[in-house]
């Protein structure tokens, strides 16, 4: 008995190759917390398959959370402490950590210098959440404006009101 496989679909000529550098003009740079997130490849460019985000985070990290999409971090500079299902992992430059969908996790920068890492989300959509809650910035290295208490409260309200829409849930501390 021979296995038969369907043929590959035809090349989708409506899609093109994308080549970007993190400092290219026209990319979206967003202040999220203390970090600056640059959307390198959007879901719009990949037909919703994935998004790739360059993250430059000097300190801190997001609160514990989970979401129903796959997420992968590849560390370019610095070091993160990633809490995954209650276990703490240190992830340094040159290392990659993959977070399965729906798994509770969080991270914080533990290096004395900012951490820079690539975040791959499959499928796409997380970049749209970041656009909704982030502060537009002029460059990849521009630090976000320190928010006033009123701005913090407004962003938190937007974040919490839209978390489920973007398939995310914020959790109590994991440790």
N, C-alpha and C. Protein backbone atom coordinates (compact mmCIF):
# COMPACT_ATOMS: atom_id res chain seq x y z
N UNK A 1 0.84 -1.17 0.00
CA UNK A 1 0.00 0.00 0.00
C UNK A 1 0.89 1.25 0.00
N UNK A 2 0.59 2.16 -0.85
CA UNK A 2 1.36 3.40 -0.95
C UNK A 2 0.56 4.55 -0.37
N UNK A 3 1.26 5.40 0.36
CA UNK A 3 0.61 6.60 0.88
C UNK A 3 0.43 7.60 -0.26
N UNK A 4 -0.72 8.21 -0.29
CA UNK A 4 -0.93 9.26 -1.27
C UNK A 4 -1.20 10.56 -0.52
N UNK A 5 -0.64 11.59 -1.01
CA UNK A 5 -0.78 12.89 -0.39
C UNK A 5 -1.33 13.86 -1.42
N UNK A 6 -2.17 14.79 -0.97
CA UNK A 6 -2.70 15.77 -1.93
C UNK A 6 -1.56 16.68 -2.42
N UNK A 7 -1.71 17.20 -3.60
CA UNK A 7 -0.66 18.10 -4.11
C UNK A 7 -0.63 19.40 -3.31
N UNK A 8 0.49 20.06 -3.34
CA UNK A 8 0.60 21.36 -2.69
C UNK A 8 -0.29 22.36 -3.41
N UNK A 9 -0.85 23.33 -2.67
CA UNK A 9 -1.64 24.36 -3.35
C UNK A 9 -0.74 25.21 -4.25
N UNK A 10 -1.35 25.90 -5.17
CA UNK A 10 -0.60 26.81 -6.05
C UNK A 10 -0.03 27.96 -5.23
N UNK A 11 1.02 28.54 -5.73
CA UNK A 11 1.64 29.72 -5.11
C UNK A 11 0.61 30.85 -5.08
N UNK A 12 0.47 31.49 -3.92
CA UNK A 12 -0.45 32.62 -3.77
C UNK A 12 0.28 33.89 -4.19
N UNK A 13 0.08 34.29 -5.42
CA UNK A 13 0.80 35.44 -5.97
C UNK A 13 0.34 36.77 -5.39
N UNK A 14 -0.72 36.76 -4.59
CA UNK A 14 -1.16 38.01 -3.95
C UNK A 14 -0.30 38.33 -2.73
N UNK A 15 0.51 37.37 -2.28
CA UNK A 15 1.38 37.58 -1.12
C UNK A 15 2.82 37.74 -1.60
N UNK A 16 3.57 38.58 -0.91
CA UNK A 16 4.95 38.80 -1.32
C UNK A 16 5.89 38.57 -0.14
N UNK A 17 7.16 38.44 -0.44
CA UNK A 17 8.18 38.33 0.60
C UNK A 17 8.27 39.67 1.32
N UNK A 18 8.59 39.64 2.60
CA UNK A 18 8.72 40.86 3.38
C UNK A 18 10.12 40.89 3.98
N UNK A 19 10.83 41.96 3.75
CA UNK A 19 12.16 42.15 4.32
C UNK A 19 12.12 43.46 5.10
N UNK A 20 12.42 43.39 6.39
CA UNK A 20 12.41 44.59 7.22
C UNK A 20 13.63 44.61 8.13
N UNK A 21 13.98 45.79 8.57
CA UNK A 21 14.94 46.00 9.65
C UNK A 21 14.19 46.73 10.75
N UNK A 22 14.56 46.47 11.99
CA UNK A 22 13.81 47.01 13.13
C UNK A 22 13.77 48.53 13.16
N UNK A 23 14.70 49.19 12.48
CA UNK A 23 14.72 50.65 12.47
C UNK A 23 14.15 51.24 11.19
N UNK A 24 13.52 50.41 10.35
CA UNK A 24 12.94 50.91 9.10
C UNK A 24 11.86 51.95 9.38
N UNK A 25 11.84 53.02 8.57
CA UNK A 25 10.75 53.99 8.72
C UNK A 25 9.42 53.32 8.35
N UNK A 26 8.38 53.77 8.99
CA UNK A 26 7.06 53.24 8.68
C UNK A 26 6.61 52.09 9.56
N UNK A 27 7.52 51.49 10.32
CA UNK A 27 7.11 50.43 11.23
C UNK A 27 6.43 51.05 12.45
N UNK A 28 5.51 50.31 13.03
CA UNK A 28 4.83 50.77 14.24
C UNK A 28 5.70 50.47 15.46
N UNK A 29 6.03 51.51 16.23
CA UNK A 29 6.77 51.40 17.49
C UNK A 29 5.80 51.80 18.59
N UNK A 30 5.62 50.93 19.58
CA UNK A 30 4.60 51.15 20.60
C UNK A 30 5.20 51.07 22.00
N UNK A 31 4.85 52.04 22.83
CA UNK A 31 5.24 51.98 24.23
C UNK A 31 4.24 51.12 24.98
N UNK A 32 4.75 50.01 25.52
CA UNK A 32 3.94 49.08 26.32
C UNK A 32 4.67 48.93 27.65
N UNK A 33 4.06 49.37 28.75
CA UNK A 33 4.77 49.36 30.03
C UNK A 33 6.01 50.22 29.90
N UNK A 34 7.16 49.69 30.32
CA UNK A 34 8.42 50.41 30.21
C UNK A 34 9.12 50.11 28.88
N UNK A 35 8.55 49.21 28.08
CA UNK A 35 9.22 48.76 26.87
C UNK A 35 8.73 49.41 25.60
N UNK A 36 9.52 49.24 24.56
CA UNK A 36 9.15 49.68 23.22
C UNK A 36 9.05 48.44 22.33
N UNK A 37 7.88 48.23 21.74
CA UNK A 37 7.61 47.07 20.91
C UNK A 37 7.47 47.54 19.46
N UNK A 38 8.24 46.94 18.57
CA UNK A 38 8.20 47.28 17.15
C UNK A 38 7.59 46.13 16.38
N UNK A 39 6.52 46.40 15.66
CA UNK A 39 5.87 45.34 14.88
C UNK A 39 6.65 45.19 13.58
N UNK A 40 7.41 44.09 13.50
CA UNK A 40 8.22 43.84 12.31
C UNK A 40 7.37 43.27 11.17
N UNK A 41 6.59 42.25 11.51
CA UNK A 41 5.71 41.59 10.52
C UNK A 41 4.33 41.49 11.17
N UNK A 42 3.34 42.02 10.49
CA UNK A 42 1.98 42.02 11.06
C UNK A 42 1.15 40.87 10.50
N UNK A 43 0.06 40.61 11.17
CA UNK A 43 -0.88 39.60 10.69
C UNK A 43 -1.46 39.96 9.34
N UNK A 44 -1.58 41.25 9.08
CA UNK A 44 -2.07 41.69 7.78
C UNK A 44 -1.13 41.22 6.66
N UNK A 45 0.17 41.20 6.94
CA UNK A 45 1.15 40.78 5.95
C UNK A 45 1.23 39.27 5.79
N UNK A 46 0.78 38.52 6.81
CA UNK A 46 0.90 37.06 6.79
C UNK A 46 -0.44 36.36 6.65
N UNK A 47 -1.46 37.11 6.27
CA UNK A 47 -2.80 36.56 6.15
C UNK A 47 -3.25 35.95 7.49
N UNK A 48 -2.83 36.59 8.58
CA UNK A 48 -3.24 36.16 9.92
C UNK A 48 -2.49 34.98 10.48
N UNK A 49 -1.49 34.48 9.78
CA UNK A 49 -0.78 33.28 10.24
C UNK A 49 0.08 33.53 11.47
N UNK A 50 0.80 34.67 11.50
CA UNK A 50 1.67 34.99 12.63
C UNK A 50 1.98 36.47 12.63
N UNK A 51 2.54 36.93 13.74
CA UNK A 51 3.11 38.27 13.84
C UNK A 51 4.47 38.15 14.50
N UNK A 52 5.40 39.04 14.12
CA UNK A 52 6.74 39.07 14.70
C UNK A 52 6.98 40.47 15.25
N UNK A 53 7.33 40.53 16.55
CA UNK A 53 7.49 41.81 17.25
C UNK A 53 8.87 41.86 17.88
N UNK A 54 9.57 42.97 17.67
CA UNK A 54 10.87 43.24 18.29
C UNK A 54 10.58 43.99 19.58
N UNK A 55 10.99 43.42 20.72
CA UNK A 55 10.70 44.02 22.02
C UNK A 55 11.99 44.50 22.67
N UNK A 56 12.00 45.73 23.12
CA UNK A 56 13.11 46.33 23.85
C UNK A 56 12.56 46.74 25.21
N UNK A 57 12.95 46.00 26.25
CA UNK A 57 12.35 46.19 27.58
C UNK A 57 13.47 46.45 28.59
N UNK A 58 13.51 47.66 29.19
CA UNK A 58 14.58 47.97 30.13
C UNK A 58 14.38 47.35 31.51
N UNK A 59 13.16 47.17 31.94
CA UNK A 59 12.88 46.62 33.27
C UNK A 59 11.45 46.12 33.29
N UNK A 60 11.19 45.25 34.24
CA UNK A 60 9.83 44.78 34.42
C UNK A 60 9.38 43.80 33.37
N UNK A 61 8.08 43.72 33.20
CA UNK A 61 7.46 42.80 32.27
C UNK A 61 5.97 42.78 32.51
N UNK A 62 5.24 42.01 31.72
CA UNK A 62 3.78 41.99 31.86
C UNK A 62 3.33 41.23 33.10
N UNK A 63 2.12 41.50 33.55
CA UNK A 63 1.59 40.71 34.66
C UNK A 63 1.37 39.26 34.18
N UNK A 64 1.26 38.32 35.12
CA UNK A 64 0.97 36.95 34.72
C UNK A 64 -0.29 36.90 33.85
N UNK A 65 -0.23 36.07 32.83
CA UNK A 65 -1.35 36.00 31.87
C UNK A 65 -1.30 34.68 31.12
N UNK A 66 -2.31 34.48 30.31
CA UNK A 66 -2.35 33.33 29.39
C UNK A 66 -3.19 33.75 28.20
N UNK A 67 -2.99 33.06 27.09
CA UNK A 67 -3.74 33.37 25.87
C UNK A 67 -3.80 32.13 25.01
N UNK A 68 -4.76 32.11 24.09
CA UNK A 68 -4.96 30.88 23.30
C UNK A 68 -4.18 30.89 21.99
N UNK A 69 -3.02 31.51 21.97
CA UNK A 69 -2.14 31.45 20.81
C UNK A 69 -0.74 31.09 21.28
N UNK A 70 0.03 30.51 20.39
CA UNK A 70 1.41 30.14 20.68
C UNK A 70 2.27 31.40 20.73
N UNK A 71 3.26 31.39 21.59
CA UNK A 71 4.16 32.55 21.71
C UNK A 71 5.58 32.04 21.91
N UNK A 72 6.50 32.66 21.21
CA UNK A 72 7.90 32.27 21.32
C UNK A 72 8.75 33.52 21.48
N UNK A 73 9.71 33.47 22.39
CA UNK A 73 10.67 34.56 22.59
C UNK A 73 12.06 34.07 22.21
N UNK A 74 12.75 34.81 21.37
CA UNK A 74 14.17 34.56 21.07
C UNK A 74 14.94 35.77 21.58
N UNK A 75 15.83 35.54 22.55
CA UNK A 75 16.53 36.62 23.23
C UNK A 75 17.75 37.04 22.40
N UNK A 76 17.78 38.32 22.06
CA UNK A 76 18.90 38.89 21.30
C UNK A 76 19.93 39.51 22.24
N UNK A 77 19.46 40.20 23.27
CA UNK A 77 20.33 40.87 24.25
C UNK A 77 19.66 40.81 25.61
N UNK A 78 20.48 40.69 26.67
CA UNK A 78 19.94 40.72 28.02
C UNK A 78 19.45 39.35 28.47
N UNK A 79 18.66 39.37 29.54
CA UNK A 79 18.19 38.13 30.14
C UNK A 79 16.80 38.32 30.74
N UNK A 80 15.96 37.32 30.56
CA UNK A 80 14.62 37.32 31.13
C UNK A 80 14.50 36.23 32.17
N UNK A 81 13.64 36.46 33.13
CA UNK A 81 13.18 35.43 34.04
C UNK A 81 11.74 35.16 33.63
N UNK A 82 11.50 33.96 33.11
CA UNK A 82 10.18 33.59 32.62
C UNK A 82 9.56 32.61 33.61
N UNK A 83 8.39 32.97 34.11
CA UNK A 83 7.65 32.04 34.97
C UNK A 83 6.62 31.35 34.09
N UNK A 84 6.75 30.03 34.01
CA UNK A 84 5.90 29.20 33.16
C UNK A 84 5.27 28.13 34.03
N UNK A 85 3.94 28.18 34.17
CA UNK A 85 3.20 27.24 35.03
C UNK A 85 3.82 27.13 36.41
N UNK A 86 4.25 28.28 36.95
CA UNK A 86 4.79 28.33 38.30
C UNK A 86 6.27 28.05 38.40
N UNK A 87 6.92 27.56 37.36
CA UNK A 87 8.36 27.31 37.37
C UNK A 87 9.10 28.48 36.76
N UNK A 88 10.21 28.87 37.41
CA UNK A 88 10.99 30.01 36.93
C UNK A 88 12.15 29.51 36.08
N UNK A 89 12.29 30.12 34.90
CA UNK A 89 13.37 29.79 33.96
C UNK A 89 14.11 31.07 33.60
N UNK A 90 15.43 31.00 33.56
CA UNK A 90 16.23 32.13 33.09
C UNK A 90 16.55 31.88 31.63
N UNK A 91 16.28 32.88 30.81
CA UNK A 91 16.48 32.76 29.36
C UNK A 91 17.38 33.92 28.94
N UNK A 92 18.56 33.58 28.40
CA UNK A 92 19.57 34.58 28.09
C UNK A 92 19.76 34.73 26.58
N UNK A 93 20.56 35.74 26.21
CA UNK A 93 20.85 36.01 24.80
C UNK A 93 21.28 34.73 24.10
N UNK A 94 20.69 34.49 22.93
CA UNK A 94 20.97 33.30 22.14
C UNK A 94 20.02 32.16 22.42
N UNK A 95 19.18 32.28 23.45
CA UNK A 95 18.24 31.22 23.79
C UNK A 95 16.83 31.59 23.33
N UNK A 96 16.01 30.56 23.19
CA UNK A 96 14.62 30.70 22.77
C UNK A 96 13.74 29.92 23.73
N UNK A 97 12.60 30.49 24.07
CA UNK A 97 11.60 29.77 24.87
C UNK A 97 10.27 29.83 24.13
N UNK A 98 9.61 28.68 24.07
CA UNK A 98 8.32 28.57 23.41
C UNK A 98 7.27 28.34 24.48
N UNK A 99 6.23 29.16 24.44
CA UNK A 99 5.13 29.07 25.41
C UNK A 99 3.90 28.51 24.70
N UNK A 100 3.44 27.33 25.09
CA UNK A 100 2.24 26.78 24.45
C UNK A 100 0.99 27.62 24.73
N UNK A 101 0.06 27.55 23.83
CA UNK A 101 -1.22 28.26 24.00
C UNK A 101 -1.87 27.84 25.31
N UNK A 102 -2.50 28.80 25.97
CA UNK A 102 -3.29 28.63 27.18
C UNK A 102 -2.48 28.40 28.46
N UNK A 103 -1.15 28.34 28.37
CA UNK A 103 -0.31 28.11 29.55
C UNK A 103 -0.08 29.40 30.32
N UNK A 104 -0.28 29.39 31.64
CA UNK A 104 0.00 30.57 32.45
C UNK A 104 1.49 30.91 32.42
N UNK A 105 1.79 32.20 32.21
CA UNK A 105 3.19 32.62 32.14
C UNK A 105 3.32 34.11 32.36
N UNK A 106 4.54 34.55 32.54
CA UNK A 106 4.88 35.96 32.65
C UNK A 106 6.38 36.06 32.53
N UNK A 107 6.89 37.26 32.36
CA UNK A 107 8.34 37.43 32.32
C UNK A 107 8.72 38.75 32.94
N UNK A 108 10.00 38.85 33.32
CA UNK A 108 10.55 40.12 33.76
C UNK A 108 12.03 40.15 33.37
N UNK A 109 12.50 41.33 33.07
CA UNK A 109 13.90 41.52 32.70
C UNK A 109 14.72 41.43 33.97
N UNK A 110 15.77 40.60 33.96
CA UNK A 110 16.64 40.47 35.13
C UNK A 110 18.07 40.90 34.83
N UNK A 111 18.36 41.26 33.60
CA UNK A 111 19.71 41.73 33.27
C UNK A 111 19.86 43.19 33.68
N UNK A 112 21.11 43.63 33.95
CA UNK A 112 21.31 45.03 34.32
C UNK A 112 21.09 45.99 33.14
N UNK A 113 21.10 45.46 31.95
CA UNK A 113 20.85 46.26 30.75
C UNK A 113 19.50 45.82 30.16
N UNK A 114 18.91 46.65 29.29
CA UNK A 114 17.63 46.25 28.70
C UNK A 114 17.72 44.92 27.95
N UNK A 115 16.62 44.22 27.94
CA UNK A 115 16.53 42.98 27.16
C UNK A 115 15.91 43.32 25.81
N UNK A 116 16.47 42.74 24.77
CA UNK A 116 15.87 42.87 23.44
C UNK A 116 15.60 41.46 22.95
N UNK A 117 14.37 41.23 22.51
CA UNK A 117 14.02 39.90 22.06
C UNK A 117 12.94 39.96 21.00
N UNK A 118 12.87 38.90 20.22
CA UNK A 118 11.84 38.77 19.21
C UNK A 118 10.72 37.94 19.80
N UNK A 119 9.49 38.37 19.55
CA UNK A 119 8.30 37.66 20.02
C UNK A 119 7.51 37.24 18.79
N UNK A 120 7.34 35.94 18.63
CA UNK A 120 6.56 35.38 17.53
C UNK A 120 5.25 34.87 18.10
N UNK A 121 4.13 35.34 17.56
CA UNK A 121 2.80 34.89 18.00
C UNK A 121 2.10 34.21 16.84
N UNK A 122 1.59 33.01 17.09
CA UNK A 122 0.89 32.24 16.07
C UNK A 122 -0.47 31.78 16.60
N UNK A 123 -1.58 32.16 16.01
CA UNK A 123 -1.72 33.05 14.87
C UNK A 123 -1.53 34.50 15.30
N UNK A 124 -1.61 35.39 14.33
CA UNK A 124 -1.46 36.82 14.56
C UNK A 124 -2.64 37.36 15.35
N UNK A 125 -2.51 38.59 15.78
CA UNK A 125 -3.59 39.28 16.49
C UNK A 125 -3.07 40.06 17.68
N UNK A 126 -2.01 39.56 18.31
CA UNK A 126 -1.47 40.23 19.49
C UNK A 126 -1.00 41.64 19.16
N UNK A 127 -0.50 41.84 17.94
CA UNK A 127 -0.04 43.18 17.56
C UNK A 127 -1.19 44.18 17.55
N UNK A 128 -2.40 43.72 17.24
CA UNK A 128 -3.56 44.61 17.25
C UNK A 128 -3.93 45.00 18.69
N UNK A 129 -3.76 44.07 19.62
CA UNK A 129 -3.98 44.37 21.03
C UNK A 129 -2.98 45.43 21.49
N UNK A 130 -1.70 45.24 21.11
CA UNK A 130 -0.67 46.21 21.48
C UNK A 130 -0.95 47.58 20.88
N UNK A 131 -1.45 47.63 19.66
CA UNK A 131 -1.79 48.92 19.03
C UNK A 131 -2.90 49.62 19.82
N UNK A 132 -3.82 48.85 20.35
CA UNK A 132 -4.94 49.41 21.09
C UNK A 132 -4.51 50.00 22.43
N UNK A 133 -3.58 49.35 23.12
CA UNK A 133 -3.21 49.78 24.46
C UNK A 133 -1.88 50.52 24.52
N UNK A 134 -1.11 50.52 23.43
CA UNK A 134 0.21 51.13 23.44
C UNK A 134 0.24 52.59 23.05
N UNK A 135 1.34 53.22 23.39
CA UNK A 135 1.60 54.62 23.01
C UNK A 135 2.44 54.62 21.74
N UNK A 136 1.97 55.22 20.65
CA UNK A 136 2.80 55.31 19.43
C UNK A 136 4.08 56.09 19.72
N UNK A 137 5.22 55.53 19.28
CA UNK A 137 6.52 56.16 19.50
C UNK A 137 7.22 56.36 18.15
N UNK A 138 8.15 57.32 18.06
CA UNK A 138 8.79 57.60 16.78
C UNK A 138 9.84 56.58 16.34
N UNK A 139 10.51 55.91 17.29
CA UNK A 139 11.57 54.96 16.92
C UNK A 139 11.55 53.74 17.82
N UNK A 140 12.35 52.74 17.44
CA UNK A 140 12.45 51.49 18.20
C UNK A 140 13.11 51.71 19.56
N UNK A 141 13.94 52.72 19.68
CA UNK A 141 14.66 52.93 20.94
C UNK A 141 14.08 54.07 21.78
N UNK A 142 13.01 54.68 21.33
CA UNK A 142 12.38 55.75 22.11
C UNK A 142 11.68 55.14 23.33
N UNK A 143 12.05 55.58 24.53
CA UNK A 143 11.34 55.04 25.71
C UNK A 143 9.94 55.63 25.79
N UNK A 144 8.99 54.85 26.30
CA UNK A 144 7.64 55.37 26.49
C UNK A 144 7.63 56.53 27.49
N UNK A 145 6.63 57.38 27.37
CA UNK A 145 6.43 58.47 28.32
C UNK A 145 5.98 57.87 29.65
N UNK A 146 6.63 58.25 30.76
CA UNK A 146 6.13 57.73 32.04
C UNK A 146 4.67 58.17 32.22
N UNK A 147 3.77 57.22 32.39
CA UNK A 147 2.34 57.58 32.45
C UNK A 147 1.95 58.20 33.79
N UNK A 148 1.02 59.11 33.70
CA UNK A 148 0.43 59.68 34.91
C UNK A 148 -0.53 58.64 35.49
N UNK A 149 -0.94 58.81 36.74
CA UNK A 149 -1.92 57.87 37.31
C UNK A 149 -3.21 57.79 36.47
N UNK A 150 -3.65 58.92 35.92
CA UNK A 150 -4.87 58.91 35.10
C UNK A 150 -4.66 58.10 33.82
N UNK A 151 -3.51 58.27 33.19
CA UNK A 151 -3.21 57.52 31.96
C UNK A 151 -3.10 56.04 32.28
N UNK A 152 -2.44 55.69 33.39
CA UNK A 152 -2.34 54.28 33.81
C UNK A 152 -3.73 53.68 33.99
N UNK A 153 -4.60 54.40 34.66
CA UNK A 153 -5.96 53.90 34.91
C UNK A 153 -6.71 53.72 33.59
N UNK A 154 -6.56 54.67 32.68
CA UNK A 154 -7.23 54.57 31.38
C UNK A 154 -6.71 53.36 30.59
N UNK A 155 -5.39 53.17 30.57
CA UNK A 155 -4.82 52.02 29.83
C UNK A 155 -5.25 50.70 30.45
N UNK A 156 -5.30 50.65 31.77
CA UNK A 156 -5.73 49.42 32.44
C UNK A 156 -7.18 49.11 32.09
N UNK A 157 -8.03 50.13 32.06
CA UNK A 157 -9.43 49.93 31.69
C UNK A 157 -9.54 49.38 30.26
N UNK A 158 -8.78 49.96 29.34
CA UNK A 158 -8.79 49.49 27.94
C UNK A 158 -8.27 48.05 27.88
N UNK A 159 -7.18 47.79 28.60
CA UNK A 159 -6.57 46.46 28.62
C UNK A 159 -7.57 45.41 29.10
N UNK A 160 -8.18 45.67 30.24
CA UNK A 160 -9.10 44.69 30.82
C UNK A 160 -10.37 44.53 29.99
N UNK A 161 -10.85 45.62 29.40
CA UNK A 161 -12.08 45.55 28.60
C UNK A 161 -11.88 44.80 27.29
N UNK A 162 -10.63 44.69 26.84
CA UNK A 162 -10.36 44.06 25.55
C UNK A 162 -9.58 42.75 25.63
N UNK A 163 -9.24 42.31 26.82
CA UNK A 163 -8.43 41.10 26.96
C UNK A 163 -9.08 39.89 26.28
N UNK A 164 -10.33 39.62 26.58
CA UNK A 164 -10.98 38.44 25.99
C UNK A 164 -11.16 38.57 24.48
N UNK A 165 -11.40 39.78 24.02
CA UNK A 165 -11.51 40.02 22.58
C UNK A 165 -10.24 39.58 21.86
N UNK A 166 -9.09 39.76 22.54
CA UNK A 166 -7.80 39.38 21.95
C UNK A 166 -7.29 38.06 22.54
N UNK A 167 -8.21 37.26 23.05
CA UNK A 167 -7.93 35.90 23.49
C UNK A 167 -6.90 35.82 24.61
N UNK A 168 -6.97 36.77 25.55
CA UNK A 168 -6.03 36.83 26.66
C UNK A 168 -6.78 36.92 27.99
N UNK A 169 -6.09 36.47 29.02
CA UNK A 169 -6.63 36.53 30.38
C UNK A 169 -5.49 36.89 31.32
N UNK A 170 -5.72 37.86 32.21
CA UNK A 170 -4.71 38.23 33.19
C UNK A 170 -4.98 37.46 34.48
N UNK A 171 -3.89 37.02 35.14
CA UNK A 171 -3.98 36.09 36.26
C UNK A 171 -3.37 36.70 37.52
N UNK A 172 -3.67 36.11 38.70
CA UNK A 172 -2.97 36.51 39.91
C UNK A 172 -1.50 36.09 39.80
N UNK A 173 -0.65 36.63 40.67
CA UNK A 173 0.79 36.26 40.61
C UNK A 173 0.99 34.74 40.56
N UNK A 174 2.00 34.32 39.78
CA UNK A 174 2.23 32.88 39.56
C UNK A 174 3.14 32.26 40.62
N UNK A 175 3.92 33.06 41.35
CA UNK A 175 4.86 32.47 42.35
C UNK A 175 4.23 32.53 43.71
